[in-house]
Amino acid sequence: MDRLQCPACGASNPPGAGWCGRCYERFEAAVSQGDLPSGSIRTASPPGAFWDCPVCGESNHLEASECLSCGASVFDSFGVGGGRPSVAPEKALAWSALPGLGLAKSGQGLLGLSIGLLIALSLGAGALFVTEGSAAAGVMLMITAVIIWLVSAHDAYRWARREETAVLLRPRVVTILAGLVIGLMVVAFVVAGERVGRA
């Protein structure tokens, strides 16, 4: 049987493929391999990568970790046991009294750990700067920590409700926040060092 050539990137794909193995362009499902003349190219769906839900058959963007139609996990497609633990949204919110724990209880363990460490670092460094005479930097760090804490509680609630699209602390956002906190700490250390040098 002839291999399929992707119309988007030109990659060769095995017969009967549902999408391109290189660019993940989805091939039109309405056309079966038997209907194509030898060597022909299948047409592709609109740009983007998709996965088919194993429960309801709905197509979902690759970025979605759950089916937008029925809520099944993308991991069900691979036969991986999965999903996240079931916790009531109110309990996830209550667990958020400890930084990051609400996220962890909502099935976002690594995110919860990252946020917990970021909040602890911000609060600790903020308290240190306040006691060492850099009150402005210390207060900014502590305010940042409280804001991250509140947003993480919101996200824990949303994760528990399986409202992934309403989550605010995505990996890029957490990376940016960590960079800002570390940058603020470096600036505060430099300013504190200059004060010590003048004294």
C-alpha atoms as a PDB file:
ATOM      1  CA  MET A   1       0.000   0.000   0.000  1.00  0.00           C
ATOM      2  CA  ASP A   2       1.251   3.508  -0.806  1.00  0.00           C
ATOM      3  CA  ARG A   3       2.287   5.826   1.968  1.00  0.00           C
ATOM      4  CA  LEU A   4       0.349   9.066   2.474  1.00  0.00           C
ATOM      5  CA  GLN A   5       2.011  12.385   1.787  1.00  0.00           C
ATOM      6  CA  CYS A   6       0.969  15.256   4.053  1.00  0.00           C
ATOM      7  CA  PRO A   7      -0.354  18.200   2.047  1.00  0.00           C
ATOM      8  CA  ALA A   8       0.817  20.651   4.731  1.00  0.00           C
ATOM      9  CA  CYS A   9       4.474  19.642   5.186  1.00  0.00           C
ATOM     10  CA  GLY A  10       5.061  16.914   2.600  1.00  0.00           C
ATOM     11  CA  ALA A  11       6.045  14.231   5.124  1.00  0.00           C
ATOM     12  CA  SER A  12       5.451  10.585   4.271  1.00  0.00           C
ATOM     13  CA  ASN A  13       2.947   8.855   6.571  1.00  0.00           C
ATOM     14  CA  PRO A  14       1.831   5.222   6.902  1.00  0.00           C
ATOM     15  CA  PRO A  15      -1.339   4.105   5.122  1.00  0.00           C
ATOM     16  CA  GLY A  16      -4.459   4.763   7.169  1.00  0.00           C
ATOM     17  CA  ALA A  17      -2.844   7.477   9.313  1.00  0.00           C
ATOM     18  CA  GLY A  18      -5.292   9.871  10.952  1.00  0.00           C
ATOM     19  CA  TRP A  19      -2.772  12.731  11.106  1.00  0.00           C
ATOM     20  CA  CYS A  20       0.721  13.630   9.983  1.00  0.00           C
ATOM     21  CA  GLY A  21       3.502  12.249  12.160  1.00  0.00           C
ATOM     22  CA  ARG A  22       5.669  15.344  11.622  1.00  0.00           C
ATOM     23  CA  CYS A  23       3.358  18.380  11.786  1.00  0.00           C
ATOM     24  CA  TYR A  24       0.277  16.694  13.336  1.00  0.00           C
ATOM     25  CA  GLU A  25      -1.980  18.006  10.586  1.00  0.00           C
ATOM     26  CA  ARG A  26      -5.167  15.973  10.751  1.00  0.00           C
ATOM     27  CA  PHE A  27      -6.174  14.111   7.605  1.00  0.00           C
ATOM     28  CA  GLU A  28      -9.768  14.300   6.485  1.00  0.00           C
ATOM     29  CA  ALA A  29     -11.660  11.508   8.238  1.00  0.00           C
ATOM     30  CA  ALA A  30     -14.404  11.304   5.622  1.00  0.00           C
ATOM     31  CA  VAL A  31     -12.038   9.840   3.043  1.00  0.00           C
ATOM     32  CA  SER A  32     -10.942   6.295   3.716  1.00  0.00           C
ATOM     33  CA  GLN A  33      -7.672   4.880   2.392  1.00  0.00           C
ATOM     34  CA  GLY A  34      -9.525   2.502   0.087  1.00  0.00           C
ATOM     35  CA  ASP A  35     -11.221   5.397  -1.727  1.00  0.00           C
ATOM     36  CA  LEU A  36      -7.929   6.993  -2.741  1.00  0.00           C
ATOM     37  CA  PRO A  37      -6.157   6.179  -5.976  1.00  0.00           C
ATOM     38  CA  SER A  38      -2.586   4.940  -5.594  1.00  0.00           C
ATOM     39  CA  GLY A  39      -0.112   7.721  -4.687  1.00  0.00           C
ATOM     40  CA  SER A  40      -2.754  10.398  -4.134  1.00  0.00           C
ATOM     41  CA  ILE A  41      -2.631  12.957  -1.359  1.00  0.00           C
ATOM     42  CA  ARG A  42      -5.287  13.178   1.281  1.00  0.00           C
ATOM     43  CA  THR A  43      -6.636  16.605   2.110  1.00  0.00           C
ATOM     44  CA  ALA A  44      -6.078  17.946   5.595  1.00  0.00           C
ATOM     45  CA  SER A  45      -8.392  19.591   8.072  1.00  0.00           C
ATOM     46  CA  PRO A  46      -7.874  23.222   9.106  1.00  0.00           C
ATOM     47  CA  PRO A  47      -4.452  23.933  10.638  1.00  0.00           C
ATOM     48  CA  GLY A  48      -3.728  22.603  14.080  1.00  0.00           C
ATOM     49  CA  ALA A  49      -3.108  19.358  15.849  1.00  0.00           C
ATOM     50  CA  PHE A  50      -5.984  17.337  17.251  1.00  0.00           C
ATOM     51  CA  TRP A  51      -6.695  14.170  19.223  1.00  0.00           C
ATOM     52  CA  ASP A  52      -9.889  12.126  19.079  1.00  0.00           C
ATOM     53  CA  CYS A  53     -11.631  11.394  22.352  1.00  0.00           C
ATOM     54  CA  PRO A  54     -11.766   7.621  22.979  1.00  0.00           C
ATOM     55  CA  VAL A  55     -15.107   8.008  24.781  1.00  0.00           C
ATOM     56  CA  CYS A  56     -17.242  10.259  22.569  1.00  0.00           C
ATOM     57  CA  GLY A  57     -15.131  10.572  19.394  1.00  0.00           C
ATOM     58  CA  GLU A  58     -15.016  14.393  19.528  1.00  0.00           C
ATOM     59  CA  SER A  59     -11.926  16.107  18.077  1.00  0.00           C
ATOM     60  CA  ASN A  60      -9.973  18.272  20.513  1.00  0.00           C
ATOM     61  CA  HIS A  61      -6.933  20.528  20.084  1.00  0.00           C
ATOM     62  CA  LEU A  62      -3.710  18.920  21.291  1.00  0.00           C
ATOM     63  CA  GLU A  63      -3.367  21.643  23.951  1.00  0.00           C
ATOM     64  CA  ALA A  64      -6.512  20.379  25.717  1.00  0.00           C
ATOM     65  CA  SER A  65      -5.775  17.663  28.244  1.00  0.00           C
ATOM     66  CA  GLU A  66      -9.445  16.752  28.522  1.00  0.00           C
ATOM     67  CA  CYS A  67     -12.213  16.351  25.975  1.00  0.00           C
ATOM     68  CA  LEU A  68     -14.189  19.569  25.790  1.00  0.00           C
ATOM     69  CA  SER A  69     -17.313  17.545  25.081  1.00  0.00           C
ATOM     70  CA  CYS A  70     -17.350  14.767  27.685  1.00  0.00           C
ATOM     71  CA  GLY A  71     -14.385  15.544  29.979  1.00  0.00           C
ATOM     72  CA  ALA A  72     -12.434  12.328  29.269  1.00  0.00           C
ATOM     73  CA  SER A  73      -8.665  12.620  29.743  1.00  0.00           C
ATOM     74  CA  VAL A  74      -6.310  12.696  26.758  1.00  0.00           C
ATOM     75  CA  PHE A  75      -4.389   9.949  28.576  1.00  0.00           C
ATOM     76  CA  ASP A  76      -7.351   7.637  28.033  1.00  0.00           C
ATOM     77  CA  SER A  77      -6.391   7.761  24.335  1.00  0.00           C
ATOM     78  CA  PHE A  78      -3.081   6.131  25.163  1.00  0.00           C
ATOM     79  CA  GLY A  79      -4.467   3.608  27.618  1.00  0.00           C
ATOM     80  CA  VAL A  80      -2.711   5.348  30.490  1.00  0.00           C
ATOM     81  CA  GLY A  81      -4.656   5.354  33.702  1.00  0.00           C
ATOM     82  CA  GLY A  82      -4.994   8.837  34.578  1.00  0.00           C
ATOM     83  CA  GLY A  83      -6.810  11.938  35.078  1.00  0.00           C
ATOM     84  CA  ARG A  84      -6.484  13.731  38.320  1.00  0.00           C
ATOM     85  CA  PRO A  85      -7.841  12.932  41.729  1.00  0.00           C
ATOM     86  CA  SER A  86     -11.419  13.861  42.378  1.00  0.00           C
ATOM     87  CA  VAL A  87     -11.708  16.581  44.999  1.00  0.00           C
ATOM     88  CA  ALA A  88     -14.601  18.928  45.641  1.00  0.00           C
ATOM     89  CA  PRO A  89     -13.825  22.471  44.449  1.00  0.00           C
ATOM     90  CA  GLU A  90     -14.619  23.854  47.913  1.00  0.00           C
ATOM     91  CA  LYS A  91     -12.145  21.432  49.510  1.00  0.00           C
ATOM     92  CA  ALA A  92      -9.474  22.394  46.975  1.00  0.00           C
ATOM     93  CA  LEU A  93     -10.080  26.017  47.906  1.00  0.00           C
ATOM     94  CA  ALA A  94      -9.805  25.194  51.614  1.00  0.00           C
ATOM     95  CA  TRP A  95      -6.567  23.223  51.063  1.00  0.00           C
ATOM     96  CA  SER A  96      -5.193  26.337  49.367  1.00  0.00           C
ATOM     97  CA  ALA A  97      -4.782  27.910  52.815  1.00  0.00           C
ATOM     98  CA  LEU A  98      -1.380  26.196  52.605  1.00  0.00           C
ATOM     99  CA  PRO A  99       0.400  27.542  49.492  1.00  0.00           C
ATOM    100  CA  GLY A 100       0.244  25.078  46.605  1.00  0.00           C
ATOM    101  CA  LEU A 101      -1.570  22.326  48.497  1.00  0.00           C
ATOM    102  CA  GLY A 102      -4.927  23.070  46.887  1.00  0.00           C
ATOM    103  CA  LEU A 103      -3.339  22.660  43.459  1.00  0.00           C
ATOM    104  CA  ALA A 104      -1.719  19.393  44.533  1.00  0.00           C
ATOM    105  CA  LYS A 105      -5.043  18.068  45.856  1.00  0.00           C
ATOM    106  CA  SER A 106      -6.634  19.028  42.518  1.00  0.00           C
ATOM    107  CA  GLY A 107      -4.177  16.773  40.682  1.00  0.00           C
ATOM    108  CA  GLN A 108      -1.589  19.438  39.826  1.00  0.00           C
ATOM    109  CA  GLY A 109       1.195  18.233  42.115  1.00  0.00           C
ATOM    110  CA  LEU A 110       4.186  19.717  40.300  1.00  0.00           C
ATOM    111  CA  LEU A 111       2.424  23.039  39.779  1.00  0.00           C
ATOM    112  CA  GLY A 112       1.416  23.056  43.449  1.00  0.00           C
ATOM    113  CA  LEU A 113       4.996  22.381  44.524  1.00  0.00           C
ATOM    114  CA  SER A 114       6.326  25.127  42.226  1.00  0.00           C
ATOM    115  CA  ILE A 115       3.797  27.662  43.445  1.00  0.00           C
ATOM    116  CA  GLY A 116       4.344  26.691  47.090  1.00  0.00           C
ATOM    117  CA  LEU A 117       8.108  27.164  46.745  1.00  0.00           C
ATOM    118  CA  LEU A 118       7.676  30.455  44.876  1.00  0.00           C
ATOM    119  CA  ILE A 119       5.357  31.805  47.580  1.00  0.00           C
ATOM    120  CA  ALA A 120       7.657  30.636  50.394  1.00  0.00           C
ATOM    121  CA  LEU A 121      10.686  32.175  48.669  1.00  0.00           C
ATOM    122  CA  SER A 122       8.854  35.465  48.099  1.00  0.00           C
ATOM    123  CA  LEU A 123       7.547  35.688  51.661  1.00  0.00           C
ATOM    124  CA  GLY A 124      10.888  34.691  53.206  1.00  0.00           C
ATOM    125  CA  ALA A 125      12.957  37.061  51.088  1.00  0.00           C
ATOM    126  CA  GLY A 126      10.394  39.815  51.613  1.00  0.00           C
ATOM    127  CA  ALA A 127      10.562  39.443  55.391  1.00  0.00           C
ATOM    128  CA  LEU A 128      14.364  39.404  55.234  1.00  0.00           C
ATOM    129  CA  PHE A 129      14.480  42.602  53.182  1.00  0.00           C
ATOM    130  CA  VAL A 130      12.033  44.379  55.493  1.00  0.00           C
ATOM    131  CA  THR A 131      14.110  43.491  58.560  1.00  0.00           C
ATOM    132  CA  GLU A 132      17.371  44.460  56.836  1.00  0.00           C
ATOM    133  CA  GLY A 133      16.240  47.929  55.788  1.00  0.00           C
ATOM    134  CA  SER A 134      14.977  47.389  52.198  1.00  0.00           C
ATOM    135  CA  ALA A 135      11.351  47.795  53.154  1.00  0.00           C
ATOM    136  CA  ALA A 136      10.088  48.740  49.679  1.00  0.00           C
ATOM    137  CA  ALA A 137      11.546  45.631  48.026  1.00  0.00           C
ATOM    138  CA  GLY A 138      10.435  43.441  50.925  1.00  0.00           C
ATOM    139  CA  VAL A 139       6.870  44.713  50.818  1.00  0.00           C
ATOM    140  CA  MET A 140       6.736  44.255  47.025  1.00  0.00           C
ATOM    141  CA  LEU A 141       7.882  40.651  47.384  1.00  0.00           C
ATOM    142  CA  MET A 142       5.335  39.934  50.095  1.00  0.00           C
ATOM    143  CA  ILE A 143       2.501  41.537  48.095  1.00  0.00           C
ATOM    144  CA  THR A 144       3.561  39.467  45.071  1.00  0.00           C
ATOM    145  CA  ALA A 145       3.483  36.319  47.214  1.00  0.00           C
ATOM    146  CA  VAL A 146      -0.015  37.074  48.477  1.00  0.00           C
ATOM    147  CA  ILE A 147      -1.292  37.734  44.938  1.00  0.00           C
ATOM    148  CA  ILE A 148       0.234  34.465  43.670  1.00  0.00           C
ATOM    149  CA  TRP A 149      -1.288  32.687  46.686  1.00  0.00           C
ATOM    150  CA  LEU A 150      -4.777  34.041  45.923  1.00  0.00           C
ATOM    151  CA  VAL A 151      -4.502  33.224  42.217  1.00  0.00           C
ATOM    152  CA  SER A 152      -3.312  29.697  43.053  1.00  0.00           C
ATOM    153  CA  ALA A 153      -6.388  29.232  45.266  1.00  0.00           C
ATOM    154  CA  HIS A 154      -8.566  30.363  42.340  1.00  0.00           C
ATOM    155  CA  ASP A 155      -6.773  27.913  40.055  1.00  0.00           C
ATOM    156  CA  ALA A 156      -7.120  25.025  42.522  1.00  0.00           C
ATOM    157  CA  TYR A 157     -10.856  25.663  42.567  1.00  0.00           C
ATOM    158  CA  ARG A 158     -10.971  25.768  38.743  1.00  0.00           C
ATOM    159  CA  TRP A 159      -8.854  22.607  38.349  1.00  0.00           C
ATOM    160  CA  ALA A 160     -11.141  20.770  40.774  1.00  0.00           C
ATOM    161  CA  ARG A 161     -14.164  21.881  38.747  1.00  0.00           C
ATOM    162  CA  ARG A 162     -12.322  20.760  35.603  1.00  0.00           C
ATOM    163  CA  GLU A 163     -12.544  24.269  34.165  1.00  0.00           C
ATOM    164  CA  GLU A 164      -9.111  24.159  32.599  1.00  0.00           C
ATOM    165  CA  THR A 165      -9.743  27.161  30.369  1.00  0.00           C
ATOM    166  CA  ALA A 166     -10.291  29.397  33.444  1.00  0.00           C
ATOM    167  CA  VAL A 167      -6.890  28.538  34.975  1.00  0.00           C
ATOM    168  CA  LEU A 168      -4.518  31.512  35.171  1.00  0.00           C
ATOM    169  CA  LEU A 169      -1.209  30.025  36.360  1.00  0.00           C
ATOM    170  CA  ARG A 170      -0.015  28.223  33.256  1.00  0.00           C
ATOM    171  CA  PRO A 171       3.636  27.123  32.905  1.00  0.00           C
ATOM    172  CA  ARG A 172       4.648  30.274  31.019  1.00  0.00           C
ATOM    173  CA  VAL A 173       3.005  32.509  33.597  1.00  0.00           C
ATOM    174  CA  VAL A 174       4.693  30.654  36.474  1.00  0.00           C
ATOM    175  CA  THR A 175       8.053  30.952  34.692  1.00  0.00           C
ATOM    176  CA  ILE A 176       7.545  34.700  34.197  1.00  0.00           C
ATOM    177  CA  LEU A 177       6.506  35.133  37.840  1.00  0.00           C
ATOM    178  CA  ALA A 178       9.551  33.198  39.039  1.00  0.00           C
ATOM    179  CA  GLY A 179      11.766  35.385  36.853  1.00  0.00           C
ATOM    180  CA  LEU A 180      10.169  38.553  38.217  1.00  0.00           C
ATOM    181  CA  VAL A 181      10.517  37.417  41.832  1.00  0.00           C
ATOM    182  CA  ILE A 182      14.156  36.425  41.331  1.00  0.00           C
ATOM    183  CA  GLY A 183      14.843  39.666  39.442  1.00  0.00           C
ATOM    184  CA  LEU A 184      13.304  41.724  42.244  1.00  0.00           C
ATOM    185  CA  MET A 185      15.383  39.818  44.778  1.00  0.00           C
ATOM    186  CA  VAL A 186      18.594  40.495  42.814  1.00  0.00           C
ATOM    187  CA  VAL A 187      17.777  44.210  42.620  1.00  0.00           C
ATOM    188  CA  ALA A 188      17.028  44.275  46.357  1.00  0.00           C
ATOM    189  CA  PHE A 189      20.315  42.497  47.132  1.00  0.00           C
ATOM    190  CA  VAL A 190      22.242  45.013  44.997  1.00  0.00           C
ATOM    191  CA  VAL A 191      20.544  47.966  46.676  1.00  0.00           C
ATOM    192  CA  ALA A 192      21.153  46.458  50.128  1.00  0.00           C
ATOM    193  CA  GLY A 193      24.801  45.828  49.218  1.00  0.00           C
ATOM    194  CA  GLU A 194      25.238  49.445  48.157  1.00  0.00           C
ATOM    195  CA  ARG A 195      23.754  50.615  51.453  1.00  0.00           C
ATOM    196  CA  VAL A 196      26.148  48.409  53.395  1.00  0.00           C
ATOM    197  CA  GLY A 197      29.071  49.681  51.294  1.00  0.00           C
ATOM    198  CA  ARG A 198      28.172  53.308  52.041  1.00  0.00           C
ATOM    199  CA  ALA A 199      27.874  52.740  55.766  1.00  0.00           C
END
